[in-house]
Protein backbone atom coordinates (compact mmCIF):
# COMPACT_ATOMS: atom_id res chain seq x y z
CA MET A 1 9.07 -9.52 -16.62
CA PHE A 2 10.03 -9.84 -12.93
CA ASP A 3 13.16 -10.73 -10.96
CA ILE A 4 13.55 -11.39 -7.23
CA LEU A 5 16.25 -9.36 -5.46
CA LYS A 6 17.58 -9.55 -1.90
CA THR A 7 17.44 -6.32 0.12
CA LYS A 8 19.75 -5.16 2.91
CA ASP A 9 17.57 -6.47 5.75
CA GLY A 10 17.58 -9.95 4.19
CA SER A 11 14.01 -9.77 2.87
CA ASP A 12 13.18 -10.07 -0.82
CA THR A 13 11.78 -7.55 -3.23
CA VAL A 14 10.63 -7.83 -6.83
CA PHE A 15 12.15 -5.92 -9.74
CA SER A 16 9.84 -5.01 -12.61
CA LYS A 17 11.66 -5.06 -15.92
CA GLN A 18 8.77 -3.17 -17.50
CA PHE A 19 8.99 -0.21 -15.10
CA LYS A 20 12.68 -0.66 -14.26
CA ALA A 21 11.76 -0.30 -10.59
CA THR A 22 11.64 -2.40 -7.43
CA TYR A 23 8.48 -3.05 -5.41
CA HIS A 24 10.28 -2.19 -2.16
CA SER A 25 13.39 -0.37 -1.01
CA LEU A 26 16.67 -2.18 -1.61
CA ASN A 27 17.67 -0.89 1.83
CA GLY A 28 15.15 -3.26 3.36
CA ALA A 29 11.78 -4.38 2.02
CA LEU A 30 10.36 -5.57 5.33
CA HIS A 31 11.70 -2.60 7.28
CA GLU A 32 10.22 -0.17 4.76
CA SER A 33 6.74 -1.74 4.84
CA LYS A 34 6.67 -1.87 8.63
CA HIS A 35 7.91 1.69 9.08
CA VAL A 36 5.89 3.46 6.39
CA PHE A 37 2.62 1.55 6.24
CA ILE A 38 2.23 -0.21 9.59
CA ASP A 39 3.92 2.03 12.19
CA ASN A 40 2.95 5.35 10.60
CA GLY A 41 -0.31 4.32 8.93
CA LEU A 42 -2.08 1.32 10.42
CA THR A 43 -1.15 1.93 14.07
CA PRO A 44 -2.55 5.49 14.27
CA ALA A 45 -5.59 4.47 12.20
CA LEU A 46 -6.40 1.59 14.56
CA ASN A 47 -6.40 4.10 17.43
CA LYS A 48 -8.53 6.63 15.53
CA PHE A 49 -11.28 4.55 13.89
CA GLU A 50 -13.59 1.91 15.36
CA THR A 51 -13.69 -0.01 12.09
CA LEU A 52 -11.29 0.42 9.19
CA THR A 53 -11.59 0.63 5.45
CA ILE A 54 -8.15 0.38 3.85
CA LEU A 55 -7.20 1.07 0.25
CA GLU A 56 -3.82 0.00 -1.10
CA ILE A 57 -2.58 1.39 -4.40
CA GLY A 58 -0.05 -1.19 -5.59
CA LEU A 59 -0.92 -4.49 -3.89
CA GLY A 60 2.23 -5.98 -5.41
CA THR A 61 3.80 -8.64 -3.20
CA CYS A 62 0.91 -8.56 -0.66
CA LEU A 63 3.46 -7.72 2.04
CA ASN A 64 1.48 -4.73 3.35
CA LEU A 65 -1.71 -6.80 3.38
CA PHE A 66 0.02 -9.66 5.21
CA LEU A 67 1.51 -7.33 7.84
CA THR A 68 -1.89 -5.67 8.30
CA LEU A 69 -3.47 -9.05 9.00
CA MET A 70 -0.77 -9.83 11.56
CA GLU A 71 -1.10 -6.48 13.34
CA SER A 72 -4.85 -5.87 13.34
CA ALA A 73 -6.02 -8.60 15.77
CA GLU A 74 -9.81 -8.76 15.77
CA LYS A 75 -10.40 -5.30 14.31
CA SER A 76 -13.18 -5.07 11.73
CA ILE A 77 -11.50 -4.19 8.41
CA HIS A 78 -12.40 -4.01 4.73
CA TYR A 79 -9.17 -4.11 2.71
CA THR A 80 -9.16 -3.15 -0.96
CA GLY A 81 -5.93 -3.69 -2.87
CA ILE A 82 -5.47 -2.55 -6.47
CA GLU A 83 -2.85 -4.16 -8.69
CA ARG A 84 -2.46 -3.67 -12.42
CA PHE A 85 0.16 -6.39 -12.91
CA PRO A 86 -0.42 -9.36 -10.53
CA LEU A 87 2.58 -11.52 -9.75
CA SER A 88 2.64 -15.08 -11.03
CA PRO A 89 3.04 -18.10 -8.70
CA ASP A 90 6.64 -18.67 -9.79
CA ILE A 91 7.46 -15.26 -8.25
CA TYR A 92 5.27 -14.95 -5.15
CA THR A 93 5.95 -18.50 -3.94
CA GLN A 94 9.68 -17.68 -3.79
CA LEU A 95 9.41 -14.55 -1.63
CA ASN A 96 10.88 -15.00 1.84
CA TYR A 97 8.67 -12.73 3.97
CA SER A 98 7.16 -15.56 5.98
CA SER A 99 6.88 -19.32 6.17
CA ASP A 100 3.25 -18.77 7.24
CA LYS A 101 1.09 -20.43 4.58
CA ARG A 102 -1.37 -17.55 4.82
CA PHE A 103 1.04 -15.35 2.85
CA ILE A 104 0.66 -17.59 -0.20
CA GLN A 105 -3.07 -17.92 0.39
CA LEU A 106 -3.45 -14.15 0.09
CA HIS A 107 -1.99 -14.29 -3.40
CA GLU A 108 -4.31 -17.15 -4.32
CA LEU A 109 -7.50 -15.32 -3.34
CA PRO A 110 -9.81 -14.61 -6.30
CA TRP A 111 -9.59 -11.26 -8.02
CA ASN A 112 -12.38 -8.69 -8.37
CA GLN A 113 -14.62 -10.00 -5.63
CA ILE A 114 -14.93 -9.64 -1.87
CA TYR A 115 -13.54 -12.53 0.18
CA GLU A 116 -14.23 -12.96 3.91
CA TRP A 117 -10.83 -13.91 5.32
CA ARG A 118 -12.12 -14.07 8.86
CA LYS A 119 -15.16 -12.66 10.61
CA GLY A 120 -14.86 -8.91 10.28
CA PHE A 121 -11.92 -8.92 7.86
CA ASN A 122 -12.87 -8.74 4.19
CA ILE A 123 -10.37 -8.61 1.35
CA GLU A 124 -11.12 -7.22 -2.09
CA LYS A 125 -8.32 -7.66 -4.63
CA ILE A 126 -8.87 -5.51 -7.72
CA GLU A 127 -6.94 -6.26 -10.90
CA GLY A 128 -6.84 -3.01 -12.80
CA ASP A 129 -5.70 0.59 -13.05
CA PHE A 130 -6.35 2.91 -10.10
CA LEU A 131 -7.30 5.73 -12.49
CA ASN A 132 -10.27 3.59 -13.62
CA PHE A 133 -11.23 2.50 -10.09
CA HIS A 134 -14.57 3.48 -8.52
CA SER A 135 -15.96 2.64 -5.09
CA ASN A 136 -18.88 3.58 -2.85
CA LEU A 137 -16.67 3.16 0.22
CA ASN A 138 -15.01 6.01 2.09
CA TYR A 139 -11.52 4.81 3.00
CA ASN A 140 -10.06 5.65 6.42
CA LEU A 141 -6.54 4.60 5.48
CA VAL A 142 -4.65 4.62 2.18
CA TYR A 143 -1.38 2.80 1.58
CA PHE A 144 -0.05 4.68 -1.44
CA ASP A 145 2.53 2.18 -2.64
CA ALA A 146 2.66 2.69 -6.38
CA PHE A 147 5.99 2.74 -8.19
CA ALA A 148 7.91 5.98 -7.69
CA PRO A 149 6.94 9.07 -9.73
CA SER A 150 9.83 8.42 -12.10
CA ALA A 151 8.21 5.10 -13.08
CA GLN A 152 4.46 5.80 -12.78
CA HIS A 153 4.26 9.55 -13.16
CA GLU A 154 0.50 9.62 -13.78
CA LEU A 155 -0.38 8.19 -10.36
CA TRP A 156 1.26 11.07 -8.51
CA GLN A 157 -0.36 13.90 -10.49
CA PRO A 158 -3.23 16.19 -9.36
CA GLU A 159 -5.92 14.09 -11.08
CA ALA A 160 -4.96 10.96 -9.13
CA VAL A 161 -4.45 12.86 -5.86
CA ASP A 162 -7.88 14.51 -6.18
CA LYS A 163 -9.39 11.10 -6.79
CA LEU A 164 -7.77 9.78 -3.62
CA TYR A 165 -9.12 12.72 -1.64
CA HIS A 166 -12.70 12.00 -2.74
CA LEU A 167 -12.34 8.29 -1.98
CA MET A 168 -11.30 8.95 1.62
CA SER A 169 -13.24 9.70 4.78
CA GLU A 170 -12.85 12.85 6.84
CA ASN A 171 -9.66 12.57 8.94
CA GLY A 172 -8.56 9.62 6.81
CA ILE A 173 -4.83 8.88 6.74
CA LEU A 174 -2.65 8.46 3.65
CA VAL A 175 0.91 7.16 3.97
CA THR A 176 3.59 6.74 1.34
CA PHE A 177 7.35 6.33 1.02
CA CYS A 178 7.49 9.32 -1.35
CA ALA A 179 8.44 12.77 -0.05
CA LYS A 180 8.93 14.63 -3.32
CA GLY A 181 8.01 18.32 -3.25
CA GLU A 182 5.68 18.19 -6.26
CA PHE A 183 3.66 15.35 -4.74
CA LYS A 184 3.35 17.14 -1.40
CA ARG A 185 2.16 20.27 -3.18
CA ASN A 186 -0.44 18.20 -5.04
CA LEU A 187 -1.66 16.77 -1.73
CA LYS A 188 -2.01 20.23 -0.19
CA SER A 189 -3.83 21.57 -3.25
CA ALA A 190 -6.32 18.71 -3.03
CA GLY A 191 -7.12 19.57 0.60
CA PHE A 192 -4.82 17.30 2.61
CA LYS A 193 -2.82 18.31 5.67
CA VAL A 194 0.70 17.08 4.96
CA ASP A 195 3.27 15.91 7.51
CA VAL A 196 6.83 14.96 6.64
CA LEU A 197 8.09 12.14 8.88
CA PRO A 198 11.44 10.38 9.23
CA GLY A 199 11.80 7.78 6.50
CA PRO A 200 12.71 4.09 6.64
CA PRO A 201 16.34 2.90 6.42
CA GLY A 202 18.12 4.55 3.51
CA LYS A 203 15.51 7.30 3.09
CA ARG A 204 15.52 10.59 4.96
CA GLU A 205 11.79 11.34 4.79
CA MET A 206 8.34 9.89 4.10
CA THR A 207 4.90 11.50 3.82
CA ARG A 208 1.74 11.18 5.87
CA ALA A 209 -1.31 13.20 4.84
CA ILE A 210 -4.64 13.72 6.61
CA ARG A 211 -7.84 14.21 4.60
CA LEU A 212 -9.49 17.34 6.05
């Protein structure tokens, strides 16, 4: 169901045979995650909000979660990651993102419950479909890291975008690698302010949207 592939920056990604898509850019998995989700998402959110609630659509390899842990110091964070198809140990133990044992420990955390990783940093891994997800939280930051629209069309449509809008706080930030025109129009129709930013290696543009 899954294969491990090497990307151009030397870091691994996972290829889903079911969706015929990779979890990260073949031009550089680590570079993509840092550029899109950390530099253009987490960093401005840390400066904007005293405490953070983060929602990731497509927890996947846990790379974005791991990088968030490394970059957030002692910030108080509740991190919710949704994944419909969790990776098995024979895949995630082979990924070369870090020799830090905490990377593997993130994958081994229990699903569908809140785990206190450290004081002030809670992790909630949800196994399921985002379209069936409900929460009482208002998220300040969304990592929208689903498979591309060509692979998971339903997650980029107005229904899903409207759902994201209502899950987010005022002035909340959404970041994604995708810069397709239809998706940006859906964001604007839902009430987001949309900015097009320079993309990671191999991609001209990415999208950041602010929940008004």
